[in-house]
Protein backbone atom coordinates (compact mmCIF):
# COMPACT_ATOMS: atom_id res chain seq x y z
CA MET A 1 132.53 106.24 83.49
CA MET A 2 129.14 104.54 83.16
CA ARG A 3 126.32 106.49 81.52
CA LEU A 4 123.00 105.55 83.10
CA ALA A 5 119.55 106.49 81.80
CA MET A 6 116.66 105.91 84.20
CA VAL A 7 113.24 105.95 82.54
CA THR A 8 110.73 106.70 85.28
CA PRO A 9 108.03 108.98 86.59
CA TYR A 10 109.95 111.72 88.41
CA PRO A 11 109.07 114.57 90.81
CA ARG A 12 108.32 117.84 89.00
CA THR A 13 110.11 119.68 91.80
CA SER A 14 112.75 118.40 94.20
CA ASP A 15 110.39 118.29 97.21
CA GLU A 16 107.04 117.40 95.60
CA ILE A 17 106.47 113.66 95.14
CA SER A 18 103.11 112.33 94.00
CA GLY A 19 103.67 108.60 93.78
CA GLY A 20 105.66 105.62 95.03
CA VAL A 21 107.72 105.11 91.85
CA GLU A 22 108.66 108.81 91.81
CA SER A 23 109.83 108.49 95.40
CA VAL A 24 111.85 105.33 94.73
CA ALA A 25 113.52 106.83 91.66
CA SER A 26 114.51 110.09 93.36
CA ILE A 27 115.89 108.31 96.45
CA LEU A 28 117.82 105.75 94.39
CA ILE A 29 119.33 108.39 92.11
CA SER A 30 120.41 110.50 95.08
CA ALA A 31 122.03 107.46 96.70
CA LEU A 32 123.80 106.45 93.46
CA ASP A 33 125.16 109.98 93.13
CA LYS A 34 126.55 109.81 96.67
CA LEU A 35 127.90 106.30 96.21
CA THR A 36 130.13 106.99 93.23
CA SER A 37 131.30 109.77 90.95
CA ASP A 38 131.85 107.32 88.11
CA VAL A 39 128.22 107.19 86.96
CA GLU A 40 126.75 109.89 84.73
CA ILE A 41 123.02 109.93 85.53
CA HIS A 42 120.24 110.89 83.13
CA VAL A 43 116.53 110.75 83.99
CA VAL A 44 114.00 110.33 81.18
CA SER A 45 110.51 111.06 82.44
CA PRO A 46 107.08 111.25 80.76
CA CYS A 47 105.64 114.72 81.23
CA TYR A 48 101.90 115.38 81.25
CA GLN A 49 102.23 119.17 81.39
CA HIS A 50 104.42 121.85 79.86
CA MET A 51 108.01 121.59 81.13
CA SER A 52 111.38 122.69 79.84
CA PRO A 53 112.73 119.76 77.72
CA MET A 54 115.82 119.49 79.90
CA GLU A 55 116.89 120.58 83.37
CA ARG A 56 119.81 120.01 85.67
CA ARG A 57 119.41 119.16 89.37
CA GLU A 58 122.77 118.88 91.10
CA ASN A 59 124.60 116.10 89.20
CA VAL A 60 121.55 114.71 87.39
CA THR A 61 120.28 115.67 83.93
CA ILE A 62 116.50 115.36 83.58
CA HIS A 63 114.87 114.98 80.16
CA TRP A 64 111.13 115.71 80.17
CA VAL A 65 109.31 113.88 77.37
CA ARG A 66 105.89 115.28 76.48
CA THR A 67 103.18 112.60 76.26
CA ALA A 68 100.17 112.33 73.97
CA GLN A 69 96.65 113.39 74.93
CA LEU A 70 95.34 109.84 74.97
CA PRO A 71 94.08 107.51 77.72
CA GLY A 72 97.11 106.14 79.59
CA VAL A 73 96.38 102.47 78.88
CA PHE A 74 96.65 103.12 75.12
CA ARG A 75 99.38 105.76 75.28
CA TYR A 76 102.14 104.36 77.49
CA TRP A 77 103.16 101.43 75.27
CA SER A 78 102.65 103.23 71.93
CA TYR A 79 103.25 106.97 71.58
CA ASP A 80 104.98 107.42 74.94
CA ARG A 81 107.26 104.43 74.40
CA LYS A 82 108.43 105.71 71.01
CA ALA A 83 109.04 109.22 72.38
CA LEU A 84 111.03 107.84 75.31
CA HIS A 85 113.12 105.67 72.99
CA ARG A 86 113.91 108.67 70.74
CA CYS A 87 115.23 110.51 73.80
CA LEU A 88 117.32 107.49 74.80
CA GLU A 89 118.92 107.40 71.35
CA LEU A 90 120.19 110.95 71.92
CA ILE A 91 121.54 110.12 75.39
CA ASP A 92 123.27 106.93 74.15
CA PRO A 93 123.45 105.26 77.61
CA ASP A 94 125.59 102.28 78.58
CA VAL A 95 122.64 100.88 80.55
CA THR A 96 118.99 101.89 80.83
CA HIS A 97 116.88 101.29 83.93
CA PHE A 98 113.12 101.23 83.28
CA GLN A 99 111.19 101.90 86.49
CA GLY A 100 107.59 100.70 86.54
CA VAL A 101 105.85 99.37 83.46
CA ALA A 102 107.19 96.77 81.04
CA GLY A 103 105.38 98.37 78.10
CA TRP A 104 108.10 101.02 77.89
CA THR A 105 110.72 98.35 77.15
CA LEU A 106 109.08 96.93 74.01
CA GLY A 107 111.44 97.10 71.04
CA TYR A 108 114.36 98.43 73.07
CA SER A 109 117.49 96.48 72.18
CA ARG A 110 120.25 98.15 74.23
CA PRO A 111 121.46 96.84 77.64
CA SER A 112 118.69 97.46 80.16
CA VAL A 113 116.99 96.36 83.35
CA LEU A 114 113.33 96.62 84.35
CA SER A 115 112.12 97.20 87.92
CA ILE A 116 108.61 95.79 88.37
CA HIS A 117 106.89 98.01 90.92
CA GLY A 118 103.32 96.83 90.58
CA ILE A 119 100.89 94.56 88.79
CA PRO A 120 98.99 97.02 86.53
CA GLU A 121 96.50 94.42 85.33
CA ARG A 122 95.40 93.84 88.94
CA GLU A 123 95.32 97.52 89.85
CA ALA A 124 93.25 98.41 86.76
CA LYS A 125 90.06 96.90 88.20
CA TYR A 126 90.04 99.64 90.87
CA GLN A 127 90.41 102.51 88.42
CA ASN A 128 87.95 103.33 85.63
CA LYS A 129 84.93 101.16 86.41
CA ARG A 130 83.32 101.71 83.01
CA PHE A 131 86.32 100.32 81.12
CA GLY A 132 87.99 98.35 83.91
CA PHE A 133 87.74 95.00 82.13
CA PHE A 134 89.30 96.32 78.90
CA ARG A 135 92.03 98.19 80.80
CA GLU A 136 92.84 95.03 82.70
CA LYS A 137 93.12 92.94 79.52
CA ILE A 138 95.28 95.49 77.68
CA PHE A 139 97.63 95.87 80.64
CA GLU A 140 97.80 92.10 80.99
CA GLN A 141 98.82 91.48 77.38
CA VAL A 142 101.26 94.40 77.05
CA GLU A 143 102.97 93.80 80.39
CA LYS A 144 103.19 90.05 79.81
CA ILE A 145 105.03 90.57 76.52
CA GLY A 146 107.32 93.21 78.02
CA ARG A 147 108.24 91.13 81.06
CA ARG A 148 108.93 88.05 78.98
CA ARG A 149 111.18 89.82 76.49
CA GLN A 150 113.20 91.73 79.08
CA ASP A 151 116.37 89.83 79.97
CA ASP A 152 117.09 91.44 83.37
CA LYS A 153 114.41 92.30 85.91
CA ILE A 154 114.45 93.65 89.45
CA VAL A 155 111.57 92.46 91.65
CA ILE A 156 110.92 94.58 94.74
CA SER A 157 108.99 91.85 96.56
CA PRO A 158 108.63 88.05 96.41
CA TYR A 159 104.95 88.79 95.75
CA VAL A 160 105.85 89.93 92.22
CA ALA A 161 107.49 86.61 91.38
CA GLU A 162 104.53 84.73 92.87
CA ILE A 163 102.01 86.52 90.65
CA VAL A 164 103.84 86.98 87.34
CA GLY A 165 106.70 84.52 87.72
CA HIS A 166 105.27 82.28 85.03
CA ASN A 167 106.17 84.88 82.37
CA LEU A 168 109.42 86.18 83.84
CA GLY A 169 112.29 84.88 81.76
CA GLY A 170 115.95 85.85 82.01
CA ARG A 171 117.65 86.91 85.25
CA LEU A 172 115.75 88.04 88.34
CA TRP A 173 117.31 90.34 90.94
CA ASN A 174 115.59 90.73 94.32
CA ILE A 175 116.10 94.30 95.53
CA GLU A 176 113.64 96.05 97.84
CA ASN A 177 112.67 99.71 97.58
CA PRO A 178 114.99 102.27 99.20
CA VAL A 179 113.99 104.67 101.98
CA SER A 180 115.53 108.13 102.28
CA ASP A 181 118.02 108.85 105.06
CA GLU A 182 115.81 111.61 106.47
CA CYS A 183 113.19 109.06 107.52
CA PHE A 184 115.71 107.38 109.83
CA GLY A 185 116.35 110.76 111.47
CA VAL A 186 112.74 111.41 112.48
CA SER A 187 112.28 112.11 116.21
CA ARG A 188 109.00 110.50 117.32
CA LYS A 189 106.52 111.86 119.83
CA VAL A 190 105.06 108.52 120.94
CA GLU A 191 102.50 110.13 123.25
CA LYS A 192 100.56 111.58 120.30
CA LEU A 193 97.15 110.15 119.33
CA SER A 194 97.53 110.73 115.60
CA VAL A 195 96.66 108.01 113.09
CA LEU A 196 98.35 108.62 109.73
CA TYR A 197 97.42 107.49 106.23
CA VAL A 198 99.59 108.39 103.21
CA GLY A 199 98.37 107.67 99.69
CA ARG A 200 95.69 108.52 97.19
CA VAL A 201 92.08 108.60 98.29
CA ASN A 202 90.50 105.90 96.16
CA GLU A 203 88.79 102.52 96.31
CA ARG A 204 91.98 100.47 95.85
CA LYS A 205 93.43 102.08 98.97
CA ASN A 206 90.20 101.37 100.91
CA VAL A 207 90.19 104.78 102.61
CA LEU A 208 86.50 104.51 103.50
CA GLY A 209 87.26 101.28 105.36
CA LEU A 210 90.00 103.12 107.24
CA MET A 211 87.57 105.85 108.24
CA LYS A 212 85.08 103.30 109.53
CA ALA A 213 87.80 101.64 111.60
CA PHE A 214 88.94 105.00 112.96
CA HIS A 215 85.32 105.83 113.83
CA GLY A 216 85.27 102.82 116.14
CA ALA A 217 88.69 103.64 117.64
CA SER A 218 87.82 107.30 118.25
CA ARG A 219 84.90 106.21 120.45
CA ARG A 220 87.38 104.43 122.71
CA VAL A 221 90.29 106.88 122.61
CA LYS A 222 89.44 110.46 123.44
CA GLY A 223 91.34 113.01 121.37
CA ALA A 224 92.34 110.64 118.58
CA GLU A 225 92.69 112.16 115.11
CA LEU A 226 93.04 110.73 111.61
CA ARG A 227 95.33 112.55 109.19
CA ILE A 228 94.98 111.65 105.50
CA ALA A 229 97.90 112.82 103.33
CA GLY A 230 97.45 112.31 99.62
CA GLN A 231 95.63 113.37 96.51
CA MET A 232 91.85 113.52 96.69
CA GLU A 233 90.81 112.04 93.36
CA ARG A 234 87.78 113.63 91.74
CA SER A 235 85.34 110.80 92.13
CA ALA A 236 82.20 109.65 93.86
CA TYR A 237 84.42 107.60 96.17
CA SER A 238 86.22 110.68 97.50
CA GLU A 239 82.88 112.36 98.05
CA ARG A 240 81.67 109.36 100.04
CA CYS A 241 84.76 109.54 102.26
CA MET A 242 84.25 113.22 103.03
CA ALA A 243 80.52 112.71 103.55
CA TYR A 244 81.22 109.90 106.04
CA ALA A 245 83.55 112.16 108.02
CA ARG A 246 80.91 114.92 108.16
CA GLU A 247 78.06 112.58 109.00
CA HIS A 248 79.87 111.07 111.97
CA SER A 249 81.67 114.27 113.06
CA LEU A 250 85.04 112.54 112.87
CA ASN A 251 88.27 114.30 113.75
CA VAL A 252 89.68 113.78 110.26
CA HIS A 253 92.10 116.09 108.45
CA PHE A 254 92.41 115.83 104.66
CA LEU A 255 95.88 117.25 104.03
CA GLY A 256 96.14 116.77 100.25
CA ASN A 257 99.56 116.20 98.67
CA ILE A 258 102.37 117.10 101.05
CA ASN A 259 106.08 117.68 100.48
CA ARG A 260 108.94 115.71 102.02
CA MET A 261 109.45 118.07 104.95
CA ARG A 262 105.78 117.90 105.85
CA LEU A 263 105.81 114.10 105.58
CA MET A 264 108.65 113.94 108.11
CA GLU A 265 106.60 116.13 110.47
CA GLU A 266 103.56 113.88 110.08
CA LEU A 267 105.62 110.73 110.73
CA SER A 268 107.11 112.36 113.81
CA ALA A 269 103.65 112.95 115.27
CA ALA A 270 102.07 109.64 114.18
CA ALA A 271 101.20 106.95 116.69
CA CYS A 272 100.78 104.53 113.79
CA LEU A 273 100.51 104.34 110.02
CA VAL A 274 97.42 102.55 108.74
CA LEU A 275 97.16 101.19 105.19
CA PRO A 276 94.05 99.01 104.58
CA SER A 277 94.63 98.62 100.81
CA ARG A 278 93.02 95.96 98.63
CA GLN A 279 96.00 95.77 96.24
CA GLU A 280 99.65 96.68 96.90
CA THR A 281 103.08 95.41 95.90
CA ALA A 282 105.64 96.94 98.27
CA PRO A 283 104.30 100.35 99.34
CA ILE A 284 107.12 102.82 99.90
CA VAL A 285 105.22 104.53 102.73
CA VAL A 286 105.37 101.33 104.80
CA GLY A 287 109.17 101.36 104.55
CA GLU A 288 109.23 105.09 105.36
CA ALA A 289 107.08 104.64 108.45
CA MET A 290 109.23 101.74 109.66
CA ALA A 291 112.40 103.78 109.13
CA ALA A 292 110.88 106.57 111.23
CA GLY A 293 110.07 104.09 114.00
CA VAL A 294 106.31 104.20 113.42
CA PRO A 295 104.37 100.93 113.84
CA VAL A 296 102.34 99.90 110.79
CA ILE A 297 98.82 98.45 110.68
CA ALA A 298 98.19 97.21 107.16
CA SER A 299 96.32 94.73 105.02
CA ASN A 300 97.48 91.12 105.09
CA ILE A 301 97.49 90.90 101.30
CA CYS A 302 99.89 90.96 98.35
CA GLY A 303 103.42 92.12 99.21
CA ILE A 304 102.68 93.77 102.56
CA PRO A 305 103.27 90.64 104.73
CA TYR A 306 106.82 90.55 103.34
CA MET A 307 107.41 93.98 104.88
CA VAL A 308 105.44 93.99 108.15
CA CYS A 309 106.08 91.30 110.77
CA GLU A 310 102.85 90.54 112.68
CA GLY A 311 103.10 91.49 116.33
CA GLU A 312 106.70 92.75 116.03
CA THR A 313 106.83 95.74 113.69
CA GLY A 314 103.07 96.16 113.38
CA TYR A 315 99.88 94.27 112.64
CA LEU A 316 98.36 92.60 109.58
CA VAL A 317 94.58 92.64 109.13
CA ALA A 318 92.24 91.50 106.35
CA PRO A 319 91.19 94.55 104.26
CA ASP A 320 87.49 94.20 105.11
CA ASP A 321 88.00 93.40 108.80
CA ILE A 322 86.91 96.79 110.13
CA ALA A 323 86.71 95.50 113.69
CA GLY A 324 90.25 94.12 113.43
CA PHE A 325 91.64 97.47 112.31
CA THR A 326 89.68 99.24 115.04
CA GLU A 327 91.07 96.92 117.71
CA ARG A 328 94.69 97.36 116.67
CA ILE A 329 94.45 101.12 116.19
CA THR A 330 92.97 101.38 119.68
CA LEU A 331 95.73 99.21 121.12
CA LEU A 332 98.56 101.30 119.68
CA LEU A 333 96.89 104.56 120.73
CA ASN A 334 96.43 103.35 124.31
CA ASN A 335 99.65 101.41 124.94
CA PHE A 336 102.61 103.78 124.53
CA GLU A 337 105.13 101.22 125.78
CA LEU A 338 104.09 98.63 123.19
CA ASN A 339 103.99 101.37 120.56
CA ALA A 340 107.59 102.40 121.30
CA GLN A 341 108.82 98.78 121.31
CA MET A 342 107.24 98.07 117.95
CA GLY A 343 108.60 101.31 116.53
CA THR A 344 112.15 100.47 117.60
CA CYS A 345 111.90 96.98 116.09
CA ALA A 346 110.47 98.43 112.85
CA GLN A 347 113.35 100.89 112.56
CA ASP A 348 115.94 98.15 113.09
CA VAL A 349 114.37 96.08 110.31
CA ALA A 350 114.18 99.07 107.98
CA LEU A 351 117.83 99.98 108.53
CA ARG A 352 118.89 96.46 107.65
CA ARG A 353 116.69 96.10 104.56
CA PHE A 354 115.69 99.50 103.15
CA SER A 355 118.61 101.92 103.63
CA ALA A 356 119.20 103.88 100.41
CA ILE A 357 122.94 103.23 100.22
CA THR A 358 122.43 99.46 100.57
CA VAL A 359 119.84 99.45 97.77
CA ALA A 360 122.05 101.66 95.61
CA ARG A 361 125.02 99.29 95.96
CA ARG A 362 122.93 96.29 95.00
CA THR A 363 121.39 98.14 92.05
CA LEU A 364 124.80 99.28 90.81
CA ALA A 365 125.92 95.64 90.88
CA VAL A 366 123.00 94.81 88.57
CA TYR A 367 124.02 97.53 86.12
CA CYS A 368 127.56 96.18 86.08
CA ALA A 369 126.30 92.64 85.46
CA VAL A 370 124.05 93.84 82.62
CA ILE A 371 126.90 95.55 80.76
CA GLY A 372 129.45 92.90 81.72
CA LYS A 373 131.75 95.04 83.83
CA SER A 374 133.12 94.62 87.34
CA GLU A 375 131.30 96.43 90.12
CA ALA A 376 134.69 97.33 91.63
CA CYS A 377 135.20 99.82 88.79
CA TYR A 378 132.38 101.97 90.17
CA GLU A 379 132.72 101.67 93.92
CA GLY A 380 132.68 104.97 95.83
């Protein structure tokens, strides 16, 4: 029996997911549980609100670790890291899987692996504008040290190795993010004129650019609607997005955070998923849309071109090319035959690359390599 501790952001409830890492962790853990009964799974998750210290969901034990009331950039590698490590000492795992930031791994000496899901120092510039420079520098130094000291790392996209490969020592394992089985079971209504966006409403995601592109497409396609699923951050940027929709009388629906069942319904009705982000690594929603057979129109930057094949599973457009996004949205709303062909191709690619059981098998092999045991001992 292998005892696994996964240190990760985790959904507060089984059907409420507020971020990509939460989604990846919950899907991977579910797949590992189905794959084998020879792994005892513990989740150790930072908690920013009052929660019971421990809970049990099916075969998984979740340990909620209360975090300090400090800005995240100062807290995660100091107070939070020490609190997480204290919890890990009590669990006494054979292997620990850190999902997300390298700062959590500092000073941890037991067998472990780190999954690098993003480049925090690059994302920081789109967050707090007043302290963006300092946030960027702190993230850069902390993450650089953590990545360099960690012996085993999982990279979810070749983009990660391109950007931070110069300070990635040890062994690298290339494993893409998993997609839940339910996405592959979505039944599409290709004749719909619904454009879907899933993610936070902020500057990094370039939601205002999306709305401008949809404005142009809606002039050409009668009845088109834009559905925005994700948290509306309290900021001037969110206000600008809503003001733009009102000013131009756009058929836009701000859905807020939605649960898994609602996401499947939105994917079923979507003609396309559009993601015009300025910074991404390997967005889970792109894999989910592909698995559901929904064509993707996304930025041609960072890790997205490794997921979307231009002209086959979707389209790649420069983030600030509003006319380019408008043209491709219009095309997929008007041409149902092309839309269906692209969706079928996208689903085939997703099944080959992103299925949860495939990712779980490859991840289990990493755990076995880290602790020096044969994978055959844990095959389900």
